[in-house]
Amino acid sequence: MPRASITDDQAVELAEMFRLMGDPSRLRIILACLDGAVCVSDIATRTRLSPSLVSHHLRLLRATRILRAERQGKQVFYAPSDEHIRCTIADMVAHVGESPAMEDA
C-alpha cells in the first residue's frame, strides 16, 4: 500500500477534523446523520442535546466539511459531506465494536 502524502495545509485541515470529531457530543451528532439527512430537532432528540448546542456543533462540523446542510422548505437537514466521511466513521464504529484480539502468551 502506498504511503499517504499531504501538504502542510492539508495536514492542518485533517488535524482540525480529527480534533472536532474527538468531542463526544460532536461525534454523536455525526453518528446521528450517518444513515441519511436529519434535521436539527431530530438530531437533538437522538443525541439528548439541546437544539441550540446541536446548532453550534453543526456550524463547526459544516465549516470543516464533515457534514453538509441542505435546506428543504423551512428546515435544514444535515448529512455527511461525502462517502469518505461516512465510510471512515462507519469503519471506526465497527472497529470499536469488535472484540479485542486475544494476546498471545
PDB file of N, CA and C in Angstrom:
ATOM      1  N   MET A   1       0.853  -1.180   0.000  1.00  0.00           N
ATOM      2  CA  MET A   1       0.000   0.000   0.000  1.00  0.00           C
ATOM      3  C   MET A   1       0.898   1.242   0.000  1.00  0.00           C
ATOM      4  N   PRO A   2       0.667   2.183  -0.933  1.00  0.00           N
ATOM      5  CA  PRO A   2       1.499   3.379  -0.983  1.00  0.00           C
ATOM      6  C   PRO A   2       1.274   4.270   0.231  1.00  0.00           C
ATOM      7  N   ARG A   3       2.330   4.945   0.634  1.00  0.00           N
ATOM      8  CA  ARG A   3       2.257   5.845   1.773  1.00  0.00           C
ATOM      9  C   ARG A   3       1.485   7.100   1.381  1.00  0.00           C
ATOM     10  N   ALA A   4       0.598   7.552   2.275  1.00  0.00           N
ATOM     11  CA  ALA A   4      -0.186   8.757   2.004  1.00  0.00           C
ATOM     12  C   ALA A   4       0.712   9.982   2.119  1.00  0.00           C
ATOM     13  N   SER A   5       0.485  10.936   1.256  1.00  0.00           N
ATOM     14  CA  SER A   5       1.261  12.166   1.264  1.00  0.00           C
ATOM     15  C   SER A   5       0.301  13.344   1.148  1.00  0.00           C
ATOM     16  N   ILE A   6       0.455  14.325   2.046  1.00  0.00           N
ATOM     17  CA  ILE A   6      -0.397  15.507   2.006  1.00  0.00           C
ATOM     18  C   ILE A   6       0.455  16.749   2.227  1.00  0.00           C
ATOM     19  N   THR A   7      -0.083  17.881   1.829  1.00  0.00           N
ATOM     20  CA  THR A   7       0.610  19.152   2.038  1.00  0.00           C
ATOM     21  C   THR A   7       0.479  19.572   3.495  1.00  0.00           C
ATOM     22  N   ASP A   8       1.245  20.576   3.880  1.00  0.00           N
ATOM     23  CA  ASP A   8       1.155  21.099   5.245  1.00  0.00           C
ATOM     24  C   ASP A   8      -0.245  21.638   5.538  1.00  0.00           C
ATOM     25  N   ASP A   9      -0.832  22.335   4.558  1.00  0.00           N
ATOM     26  CA  ASP A   9      -2.179  22.873   4.747  1.00  0.00           C
ATOM     27  C   ASP A   9      -3.205  21.756   4.913  1.00  0.00           C
ATOM     28  N   GLN A  10      -3.042  20.686   4.141  1.00  0.00           N
ATOM     29  CA  GLN A  10      -3.956  19.554   4.273  1.00  0.00           C
ATOM     30  C   GLN A  10      -3.786  18.864   5.618  1.00  0.00           C
ATOM     31  N   ALA A  11      -2.563  18.806   6.123  1.00  0.00           N
ATOM     32  CA  ALA A  11      -2.319  18.215   7.438  1.00  0.00           C
ATOM     33  C   ALA A  11      -3.027  19.017   8.527  1.00  0.00           C
ATOM     34  N   VAL A  12      -2.981  20.329   8.412  1.00  0.00           N
ATOM     35  CA  VAL A  12      -3.670  21.188   9.376  1.00  0.00           C
ATOM     36  C   VAL A  12      -5.181  20.960   9.298  1.00  0.00           C
ATOM     37  N   GLU A  13      -5.717  20.897   8.082  1.00  0.00           N
ATOM     38  CA  GLU A  13      -7.153  20.676   7.894  1.00  0.00           C
ATOM     39  C   GLU A  13      -7.577  19.321   8.466  1.00  0.00           C
ATOM     40  N   LEU A  14      -6.801  18.289   8.191  1.00  0.00           N
ATOM     41  CA  LEU A  14      -7.119  16.952   8.686  1.00  0.00           C
ATOM     42  C   LEU A  14      -7.040  16.891  10.208  1.00  0.00           C
ATOM     43  N   ALA A  15      -6.022  17.518  10.790  1.00  0.00           N
ATOM     44  CA  ALA A  15      -5.894  17.542  12.248  1.00  0.00           C
ATOM     45  C   ALA A  15      -7.094  18.241  12.886  1.00  0.00           C
ATOM     46  N   GLU A  16      -7.566  19.315  12.257  1.00  0.00           N
ATOM     47  CA  GLU A  16      -8.740  20.028  12.776  1.00  0.00           C
ATOM     48  C   GLU A  16      -9.987  19.149  12.705  1.00  0.00           C
ATOM     49  N   MET A  17     -10.129  18.380  11.628  1.00  0.00           N
ATOM     50  CA  MET A  17     -11.277  17.468  11.511  1.00  0.00           C
ATOM     51  C   MET A  17     -11.242  16.430  12.634  1.00  0.00           C
ATOM     52  N   PHE A  18     -10.074  15.838  12.858  1.00  0.00           N
ATOM     53  CA  PHE A  18      -9.966  14.842  13.925  1.00  0.00           C
ATOM     54  C   PHE A  18     -10.195  15.464  15.294  1.00  0.00           C
ATOM     55  N   ARG A  19      -9.720  16.709  15.499  1.00  0.00           N
ATOM     56  CA  ARG A  19      -9.948  17.396  16.781  1.00  0.00           C
ATOM     57  C   ARG A  19     -11.442  17.569  17.026  1.00  0.00           C
ATOM     58  N   LEU A  20     -12.162  18.010  16.002  1.00  0.00           N
ATOM     59  CA  LEU A  20     -13.603  18.210  16.153  1.00  0.00           C
ATOM     60  C   LEU A  20     -14.331  16.886  16.398  1.00  0.00           C
ATOM     61  N   MET A  21     -13.924  15.838  15.705  1.00  0.00           N
ATOM     62  CA  MET A  21     -14.573  14.543  15.896  1.00  0.00           C
ATOM     63  C   MET A  21     -14.205  13.909  17.227  1.00  0.00           C
ATOM     64  N   GLY A  22     -13.180  14.441  17.896  1.00  0.00           N
ATOM     65  CA  GLY A  22     -12.764  13.933  19.196  1.00  0.00           C
ATOM     66  C   GLY A  22     -13.694  14.316  20.333  1.00  0.00           C
ATOM     67  N   ASP A  23     -14.612  15.226  20.085  1.00  0.00           N
ATOM     68  CA  ASP A  23     -15.582  15.624  21.108  1.00  0.00           C
ATOM     69  C   ASP A  23     -16.757  14.647  21.069  1.00  0.00           C
ATOM     70  N   PRO A  24     -17.099  14.008  22.209  1.00  0.00           N
ATOM     71  CA  PRO A  24     -18.182  13.019  22.203  1.00  0.00           C
ATOM     72  C   PRO A  24     -19.522  13.551  21.694  1.00  0.00           C
ATOM     73  N   SER A  25     -19.874  14.776  22.020  1.00  0.00           N
ATOM     74  CA  SER A  25     -21.153  15.330  21.550  1.00  0.00           C
ATOM     75  C   SER A  25     -21.145  15.480  20.037  1.00  0.00           C
ATOM     76  N   ARG A  26     -20.060  16.018  19.496  1.00  0.00           N
ATOM     77  CA  ARG A  26     -19.980  16.179  18.034  1.00  0.00           C
ATOM     78  C   ARG A  26     -19.955  14.819  17.336  1.00  0.00           C
ATOM     79  N   LEU A  27     -19.271  13.852  17.925  1.00  0.00           N
ATOM     80  CA  LEU A  27     -19.243  12.520  17.324  1.00  0.00           C
ATOM     81  C   LEU A  27     -20.639  11.907  17.314  1.00  0.00           C
ATOM     82  N   ARG A  28     -21.401  12.084  18.387  1.00  0.00           N
ATOM     83  CA  ARG A  28     -22.778  11.576  18.427  1.00  0.00           C
ATOM     84  C   ARG A  28     -23.641  12.270  17.375  1.00  0.00           C
ATOM     85  N   ILE A  29     -23.406  13.554  17.134  1.00  0.00           N
ATOM     86  CA  ILE A  29     -24.142  14.287  16.103  1.00  0.00           C
ATOM     87  C   ILE A  29     -23.815  13.701  14.731  1.00  0.00           C
ATOM     88  N   ILE A  30     -22.545  13.453  14.463  1.00  0.00           N
ATOM     89  CA  ILE A  30     -22.146  12.857  13.187  1.00  0.00           C
ATOM     90  C   ILE A  30     -22.806  11.492  13.028  1.00  0.00           C
ATOM     91  N   LEU A  31     -22.773  10.682  14.074  1.00  0.00           N
ATOM     92  CA  LEU A  31     -23.381   9.350  14.020  1.00  0.00           C
ATOM     93  C   LEU A  31     -24.876   9.428  13.747  1.00  0.00           C
ATOM     94  N   ALA A  32     -25.538  10.447  14.301  1.00  0.00           N
ATOM     95  CA  ALA A  32     -26.980  10.617  14.085  1.00  0.00           C
ATOM     96  C   ALA A  32     -27.294  10.912  12.621  1.00  0.00           C
ATOM     97  N   CYS A  33     -26.317  11.421  11.893  1.00  0.00           N
ATOM     98  CA  CYS A  33     -26.521  11.812  10.492  1.00  0.00           C
ATOM     99  C   CYS A  33     -26.008  10.790   9.486  1.00  0.00           C
ATOM    100  N   LEU A  34     -25.403   9.712   9.937  1.00  0.00           N
ATOM    101  CA  LEU A  34     -24.741   8.782   9.018  1.00  0.00           C
ATOM    102  C   LEU A  34     -25.669   8.117   8.027  1.00  0.00           C
ATOM    103  N   ASP A  35     -26.888   7.789   8.441  1.00  0.00           N
ATOM    104  CA  ASP A  35     -27.772   7.000   7.580  1.00  0.00           C
ATOM    105  C   ASP A  35     -28.686   7.830   6.698  1.00  0.00           C
ATOM    106  N   GLY A  36     -28.576   9.132   6.771  1.00  0.00           N
ATOM    107  CA  GLY A  36     -29.413   9.980   5.936  1.00  0.00           C
ATOM    108  C   GLY A  36     -29.554  11.358   6.539  1.00  0.00           C
ATOM    109  N   ALA A  37     -30.082  12.269   5.766  1.00  0.00           N
ATOM    110  CA  ALA A  37     -30.229  13.652   6.199  1.00  0.00           C
ATOM    111  C   ALA A  37     -31.194  13.757   7.375  1.00  0.00           C
ATOM    112  N   VAL A  38     -30.794  14.545   8.381  1.00  0.00           N
ATOM    113  CA  VAL A  38     -31.562  14.680   9.620  1.00  0.00           C
ATOM    114  C   VAL A  38     -31.636  16.159   9.978  1.00  0.00           C
ATOM    115  N   CYS A  39     -32.803  16.597  10.469  1.00  0.00           N
ATOM    116  CA  CYS A  39     -32.968  17.999  10.872  1.00  0.00           C
ATOM    117  C   CYS A  39     -32.460  18.197  12.307  1.00  0.00           C
ATOM    118  N   VAL A  40     -32.243  19.438  12.689  1.00  0.00           N
ATOM    119  CA  VAL A  40     -31.679  19.782  13.992  1.00  0.00           C
ATOM    120  C   VAL A  40     -32.510  19.206  15.128  1.00  0.00           C
ATOM    121  N   SER A  41     -33.827  19.331  15.060  1.00  0.00           N
ATOM    122  CA  SER A  41     -34.656  18.847  16.166  1.00  0.00           C
ATOM    123  C   SER A  41     -34.533  17.332  16.334  1.00  0.00           C
ATOM    124  N   ASP A  42     -34.440  16.600  15.226  1.00  0.00           N
ATOM    125  CA  ASP A  42     -34.267  15.149  15.318  1.00  0.00           C
ATOM    126  C   ASP A  42     -32.876  14.787  15.840  1.00  0.00           C
ATOM    127  N   ILE A  43     -31.863  15.538  15.422  1.00  0.00           N
ATOM    128  CA  ILE A  43     -30.515  15.300  15.953  1.00  0.00           C
ATOM    129  C   ILE A  43     -30.508  15.547  17.457  1.00  0.00           C
ATOM    130  N   ALA A  44     -31.151  16.633  17.891  1.00  0.00           N
ATOM    131  CA  ALA A  44     -31.206  16.953  19.318  1.00  0.00           C
ATOM    132  C   ALA A  44     -31.886  15.833  20.099  1.00  0.00           C
ATOM    133  N   THR A  45     -32.970  15.306  19.563  1.00  0.00           N
ATOM    134  CA  THR A  45     -33.678  14.208  20.227  1.00  0.00           C
ATOM    135  C   THR A  45     -32.805  12.961  20.298  1.00  0.00           C
ATOM    136  N   ARG A  46     -32.172  12.611  19.196  1.00  0.00           N
ATOM    137  CA  ARG A  46     -31.342  11.400  19.148  1.00  0.00           C
ATOM    138  C   ARG A  46     -30.130  11.488  20.062  1.00  0.00           C
ATOM    139  N   THR A  47     -29.569  12.678  20.209  1.00  0.00           N
ATOM    140  CA  THR A  47     -28.340  12.847  20.990  1.00  0.00           C
ATOM    141  C   THR A  47     -28.595  13.325  22.419  1.00  0.00           C
ATOM    142  N   ARG A  48     -29.847  13.680  22.706  1.00  0.00           N
ATOM    143  CA  ARG A  48     -30.215  14.223  24.020  1.00  0.00           C
ATOM    144  C   ARG A  48     -29.428  15.507  24.341  1.00  0.00           C
ATOM    145  N   LEU A  49     -29.221  16.314  23.313  1.00  0.00           N
ATOM    146  CA  LEU A  49     -28.583  17.622  23.454  1.00  0.00           C
ATOM    147  C   LEU A  49     -29.607  18.695  23.117  1.00  0.00           C
ATOM    148  N   SER A  50     -29.395  19.895  23.602  1.00  0.00           N
ATOM    149  CA  SER A  50     -30.324  20.983  23.283  1.00  0.00           C
ATOM    150  C   SER A  50     -30.165  21.368  21.814  1.00  0.00           C
ATOM    151  N   PRO A  51     -31.264  21.811  21.192  1.00  0.00           N
ATOM    152  CA  PRO A  51     -31.166  22.249  19.788  1.00  0.00           C
ATOM    153  C   PRO A  51     -30.136  23.353  19.578  1.00  0.00           C
ATOM    154  N   SER A  52     -29.998  24.276  20.534  1.00  0.00           N
ATOM    155  CA  SER A  52     -29.016  25.350  20.357  1.00  0.00           C
ATOM    156  C   SER A  52     -27.589  24.811  20.407  1.00  0.00           C
ATOM    157  N   LEU A  53     -27.328  23.839  21.268  1.00  0.00           N
ATOM    158  CA  LEU A  53     -25.996  23.235  21.317  1.00  0.00           C
ATOM    159  C   LEU A  53     -25.733  22.432  20.043  1.00  0.00           C
ATOM    160  N   VAL A  54     -26.730  21.702  19.576  1.00  0.00           N
ATOM    161  CA  VAL A  54     -26.596  20.956  18.318  1.00  0.00           C
ATOM    162  C   VAL A  54     -26.271  21.927  17.183  1.00  0.00           C
ATOM    163  N   SER A  55     -26.982  23.035  17.104  1.00  0.00           N
ATOM    164  CA  SER A  55     -26.738  24.029  16.042  1.00  0.00           C
ATOM    165  C   SER A  55     -25.313  24.565  16.104  1.00  0.00           C
ATOM    166  N   HIS A  56     -24.834  24.813  17.311  1.00  0.00           N
ATOM    167  CA  HIS A  56     -23.458  25.299  17.479  1.00  0.00           C
ATOM    168  C   HIS A  56     -22.463  24.274  16.935  1.00  0.00           C
ATOM    169  N   HIS A  57     -22.625  23.022  17.325  1.00  0.00           N
ATOM    170  CA  HIS A  57     -21.721  21.972  16.857  1.00  0.00           C
ATOM    171  C   HIS A  57     -21.840  21.768  15.345  1.00  0.00           C
ATOM    172  N   LEU A  58     -23.053  21.857  14.816  1.00  0.00           N
ATOM    173  CA  LEU A  58     -23.251  21.697  13.376  1.00  0.00           C
ATOM    174  C   LEU A  58     -22.513  22.773  12.581  1.00  0.00           C
ATOM    175  N   ARG A  59     -22.485  23.968  13.100  1.00  0.00           N
ATOM    176  CA  ARG A  59     -21.759  25.056  12.430  1.00  0.00           C
ATOM    177  C   ARG A  59     -20.284  24.686  12.286  1.00  0.00           C
ATOM    178  N   LEU A  60     -19.695  24.144  13.347  1.00  0.00           N
ATOM    179  CA  LEU A  60     -18.283  23.747  13.310  1.00  0.00           C
ATOM    180  C   LEU A  60     -18.058  22.574  12.354  1.00  0.00           C
ATOM    181  N   LEU A  61     -18.973  21.610  12.391  1.00  0.00           N
ATOM    182  CA  LEU A  61     -18.838  20.426  11.539  1.00  0.00           C
ATOM    183  C   LEU A  61     -19.017  20.761  10.061  1.00  0.00           C
ATOM    184  N   ARG A  62     -19.858  21.737   9.783  1.00  0.00           N
ATOM    185  CA  ARG A  62     -20.019  22.190   8.391  1.00  0.00           C
ATOM    186  C   ARG A  62     -18.790  22.949   7.920  1.00  0.00           C
ATOM    187  N   ALA A  63     -18.206  23.759   8.793  1.00  0.00           N
ATOM    188  CA  ALA A  63     -17.042  24.570   8.420  1.00  0.00           C
ATOM    189  C   ALA A  63     -15.852  23.704   8.036  1.00  0.00           C
ATOM    190  N   THR A  64     -15.754  22.517   8.613  1.00  0.00           N
ATOM    191  CA  THR A  64     -14.639  21.621   8.294  1.00  0.00           C
ATOM    192  C   THR A  64     -15.032  20.568   7.265  1.00  0.00           C
ATOM    193  N   ARG A  65     -16.187  20.717   6.658  1.00  0.00           N
ATOM    194  CA  ARG A  65     -16.670  19.831   5.599  1.00  0.00           C
ATOM    195  C   ARG A  65     -16.877  18.390   6.069  1.00  0.00           C
ATOM    196  N   ILE A  66     -17.189  18.211   7.343  1.00  0.00           N
ATOM    197  CA  ILE A  66     -17.530  16.878   7.843  1.00  0.00           C
ATOM    198  C   ILE A  66     -18.992  16.592   7.529  1.00  0.00           C
ATOM    199  N   LEU A  67     -19.844  17.588   7.753  1.00  0.00           N
ATOM    200  CA  LEU A  67     -21.264  17.480   7.429  1.00  0.00           C
ATOM    201  C   LEU A  67     -21.625  18.549   6.407  1.00  0.00           C
ATOM    202  N   ARG A  68     -22.688  18.289   5.658  1.00  0.00           N
ATOM    203  CA  ARG A  68     -23.212  19.277   4.713  1.00  0.00           C
ATOM    204  C   ARG A  68     -24.662  19.556   5.097  1.00  0.00           C
ATOM    205  N   ALA A  69     -25.133  20.703   4.707  1.00  0.00           N
ATOM    206  CA  ALA A  69     -26.507  21.111   5.005  1.00  0.00           C
ATOM    207  C   ALA A  69     -27.285  21.266   3.711  1.00  0.00           C
ATOM    208  N   GLU A  70     -28.563  20.908   3.790  1.00  0.00           N
ATOM    209  CA  GLU A  70     -29.448  21.068   2.637  1.00  0.00           C
ATOM    210  C   GLU A  70     -30.794  21.590   3.147  1.00  0.00           C
ATOM    211  N   ARG A  71     -31.198  22.733   2.632  1.00  0.00           N
ATOM    212  CA  ARG A  71     -32.473  23.331   3.043  1.00  0.00           C
ATOM    213  C   ARG A  71     -33.607  22.682   2.270  1.00  0.00           C
ATOM    214  N   GLN A  72     -34.644  22.292   3.012  1.00  0.00           N
ATOM    215  CA  GLN A  72     -35.874  21.773   2.412  1.00  0.00           C
ATOM    216  C   GLN A  72     -37.018  22.523   3.082  1.00  0.00           C
ATOM    217  N   GLY A  73     -37.543  23.500   2.375  1.00  0.00           N
ATOM    218  CA  GLY A  73     -38.578  24.349   2.957  1.00  0.00           C
ATOM    219  C   GLY A  73     -37.988  25.183   4.074  1.00  0.00           C
ATOM    220  N   LYS A  74     -38.598  25.106   5.253  1.00  0.00           N
ATOM    221  CA  LYS A  74     -38.116  25.883   6.395  1.00  0.00           C
ATOM    222  C   LYS A  74     -37.062  25.148   7.211  1.00  0.00           C
ATOM    223  N   GLN A  75     -36.858  23.874   6.938  1.00  0.00           N
ATOM    224  CA  GLN A  75     -35.910  23.090   7.724  1.00  0.00           C
ATOM    225  C   GLN A  75     -34.606  22.865   6.969  1.00  0.00           C
ATOM    226  N   VAL A  76     -33.546  22.673   7.761  1.00  0.00           N
ATOM    227  CA  VAL A  76     -32.243  22.349   7.209  1.00  0.00           C
ATOM    228  C   VAL A  76     -31.909  20.936   7.666  1.00  0.00           C
ATOM    229  N   PHE A  77     -31.470  20.113   6.729  1.00  0.00           N
ATOM    230  CA  PHE A  77     -31.128  18.731   7.017  1.00  0.00           C
ATOM    231  C   PHE A  77     -29.621  18.545   6.851  1.00  0.00           C
ATOM    232  N   TYR A  78     -29.058  17.715   7.713  1.00  0.00           N
ATOM    233  CA  TYR A  78     -27.615  17.513   7.744  1.00  0.00           C
ATOM    234  C   TYR A  78     -27.277  16.059   7.455  1.00  0.00           C
ATOM    235  N   ALA A  79     -26.186  15.870   6.711  1.00  0.00           N
ATOM    236  CA  ALA A  79     -25.710  14.533   6.340  1.00  0.00           C
ATOM    237  C   ALA A  79     -24.189  14.619   6.178  1.00  0.00           C
ATOM    238  N   PRO A  80     -23.512  13.474   6.174  1.00  0.00           N
ATOM    239  CA  PRO A  80     -22.065  13.503   5.919  1.00  0.00           C
ATOM    240  C   PRO A  80     -21.774  14.175   4.577  1.00  0.00           C
ATOM    241  N   SER A  81     -20.679  14.878   4.502  1.00  0.00           N
ATOM    242  CA  SER A  81     -20.321  15.606   3.282  1.00  0.00           C
ATOM    243  C   SER A  81     -20.131  14.693   2.092  1.00  0.00           C
ATOM    244  N   ASP A  82     -19.603  13.498   2.333  1.00  0.00           N
ATOM    245  CA  ASP A  82     -19.386  12.562   1.234  1.00  0.00           C
ATOM    246  C   ASP A  82     -19.181  11.155   1.785  1.00  0.00           C
ATOM    247  N   GLU A  83     -18.959  10.227   0.878  1.00  0.00           N
ATOM    248  CA  GLU A  83     -18.780   8.829   1.276  1.00  0.00           C
ATOM    249  C   GLU A  83     -17.508   8.612   2.085  1.00  0.00           C
ATOM    250  N   HIS A  84     -16.491   9.448   1.882  1.00  0.00           N
ATOM    251  CA  HIS A  84     -15.263   9.307   2.673  1.00  0.00           C
ATOM    252  C   HIS A  84     -15.571   9.466   4.158  1.00  0.00           C
ATOM    253  N   ILE A  85     -16.330  10.488   4.493  1.00  0.00           N
ATOM    254  CA  ILE A  85     -16.693  10.729   5.893  1.00  0.00           C
ATOM    255  C   ILE A  85     -17.547   9.576   6.400  1.00  0.00           C
ATOM    256  N   ARG A  86     -18.569   9.221   5.649  1.00  0.00           N
ATOM    257  CA  ARG A  86     -19.485   8.147   6.063  1.00  0.00           C
ATOM    258  C   ARG A  86     -18.716   6.842   6.302  1.00  0.00           C
ATOM    259  N   CYS A  87     -17.858   6.478   5.376  1.00  0.00           N
ATOM    260  CA  CYS A  87     -17.118   5.215   5.493  1.00  0.00           C
ATOM    261  C   CYS A  87     -16.105   5.249   6.637  1.00  0.00           C
ATOM    262  N   THR A  88     -15.408   6.361   6.792  1.00  0.00           N
ATOM    263  CA  THR A  88     -14.418   6.470   7.870  1.00  0.00           C
ATOM    264  C   THR A  88     -15.078   6.293   9.224  1.00  0.00           C
ATOM    265  N   ILE A  89     -16.172   6.999   9.453  1.00  0.00           N
ATOM    266  CA  ILE A  89     -16.860   6.905  10.742  1.00  0.00           C
ATOM    267  C   ILE A  89     -17.450   5.510  10.920  1.00  0.00           C
ATOM    268  N   ALA A  90     -18.105   4.989   9.896  1.00  0.00           N
ATOM    269  CA  ALA A  90     -18.697   3.651   9.996  1.00  0.00           C
ATOM    270  C   ALA A  90     -17.624   2.594  10.268  1.00  0.00           C
ATOM    271  N   ASP A  91     -16.480   2.704   9.619  1.00  0.00           N
ATOM    272  CA  ASP A  91     -15.393   1.751   9.853  1.00  0.00           C
ATOM    273  C   ASP A  91     -14.870   1.847  11.284  1.00  0.00           C
ATOM    274  N   MET A  92     -14.754   3.052  11.801  1.00  0.00           N
ATOM    275  CA  MET A  92     -14.257   3.217  13.175  1.00  0.00           C
ATOM    276  C   MET A  92     -15.276   2.699  14.189  1.00  0.00           C
ATOM    277  N   VAL A  93     -16.567   2.889  13.918  1.00  0.00           N
ATOM    278  CA  VAL A  93     -17.608   2.338  14.792  1.00  0.00           C
ATOM    279  C   VAL A  93     -17.516   0.817  14.794  1.00  0.00           C
ATOM    280  N   ALA A  94     -17.328   0.227  13.625  1.00  0.00           N
ATOM    281  CA  ALA A  94     -17.175  -1.232  13.537  1.00  0.00           C
ATOM    282  C   ALA A  94     -15.925  -1.675  14.288  1.00  0.00           C
ATOM    283  N   HIS A  95     -14.865  -0.907  14.188  1.00  0.00           N
ATOM    284  CA  HIS A  95     -13.614  -1.246  14.862  1.00  0.00           C
ATOM    285  C   HIS A  95     -13.785  -1.279  16.379  1.00  0.00           C
ATOM    286  N   VAL A  96     -14.416  -0.253  16.950  1.00  0.00           N
ATOM    287  CA  VAL A  96     -14.570  -0.241  18.413  1.00  0.00           C
ATOM    288  C   VAL A  96     -15.587  -1.281  18.883  1.00  0.00           C
ATOM    289  N   GLY A  97     -16.433  -1.763  17.974  1.00  0.00           N
ATOM    290  CA  GLY A  97     -17.398  -2.800  18.325  1.00  0.00           C
ATOM    291  C   GLY A  97     -16.835  -4.207  18.299  1.00  0.00           C
ATOM    292  N   GLU A  98     -15.633  -4.356  17.741  1.00  0.00           N
ATOM    293  CA  GLU A  98     -15.007  -5.679  17.675  1.00  0.00           C
ATOM    294  C   GLU A  98     -14.476  -6.083  19.040  1.00  0.00           C
ATOM    295  N   SER A  99     -14.444  -7.380  19.269  1.00  0.00           N
ATOM    296  CA  SER A  99     -13.831  -7.879  20.493  1.00  0.00           C
ATOM    297  C   SER A  99     -12.333  -7.702  20.378  1.00  0.00           C
ATOM    298  N   PRO A 100     -11.691  -7.322  21.483  1.00  0.00           N
ATOM    299  CA  PRO A 100     -10.227  -7.187  21.435  1.00  0.00           C
ATOM    300  C   PRO A 100      -9.592  -8.535  21.121  1.00  0.00           C
ATOM    301  N   ALA A 101      -8.550  -8.505  20.325  1.00  0.00           N
ATOM    302  CA  ALA A 101      -7.855  -9.747  19.971  1.00  0.00           C
ATOM    303  C   ALA A 101      -7.179 -10.317  21.214  1.00  0.00           C
ATOM    304  N   MET A 102      -7.212 -11.611  21.319  1.00  0.00           N
ATOM    305  CA  MET A 102      -6.550 -12.280  22.435  1.00  0.00           C
ATOM    306  C   MET A 102      -5.043 -12.152  22.236  1.00  0.00           C
ATOM    307  N   GLU A 103      -4.354 -11.728  23.291  1.00  0.00           N
ATOM    308  CA  GLU A 103      -2.899 -11.610  23.194  1.00  0.00           C
ATOM    309  C   GLU A 103      -2.269 -12.977  23.328  1.00  0.00           C
ATOM    310  N   ASP A 104      -1.236 -13.193  22.528  1.00  0.00           N
ATOM    311  CA  ASP A 104      -0.506 -14.458  22.635  1.00  0.00           C
ATOM    312  C   ASP A 104       0.335 -14.442  23.893  1.00  0.00           C
ATOM    313  N   ALA A 105       0.329 -15.533  24.595  1.00  0.00           N
ATOM    314  CA  ALA A 105       1.100 -15.623  25.840  1.00  0.00           C
ATOM    315  C   ALA A 105       2.523 -16.011  25.575  1.00  0.00           C
TER     316      ALA A 105
END
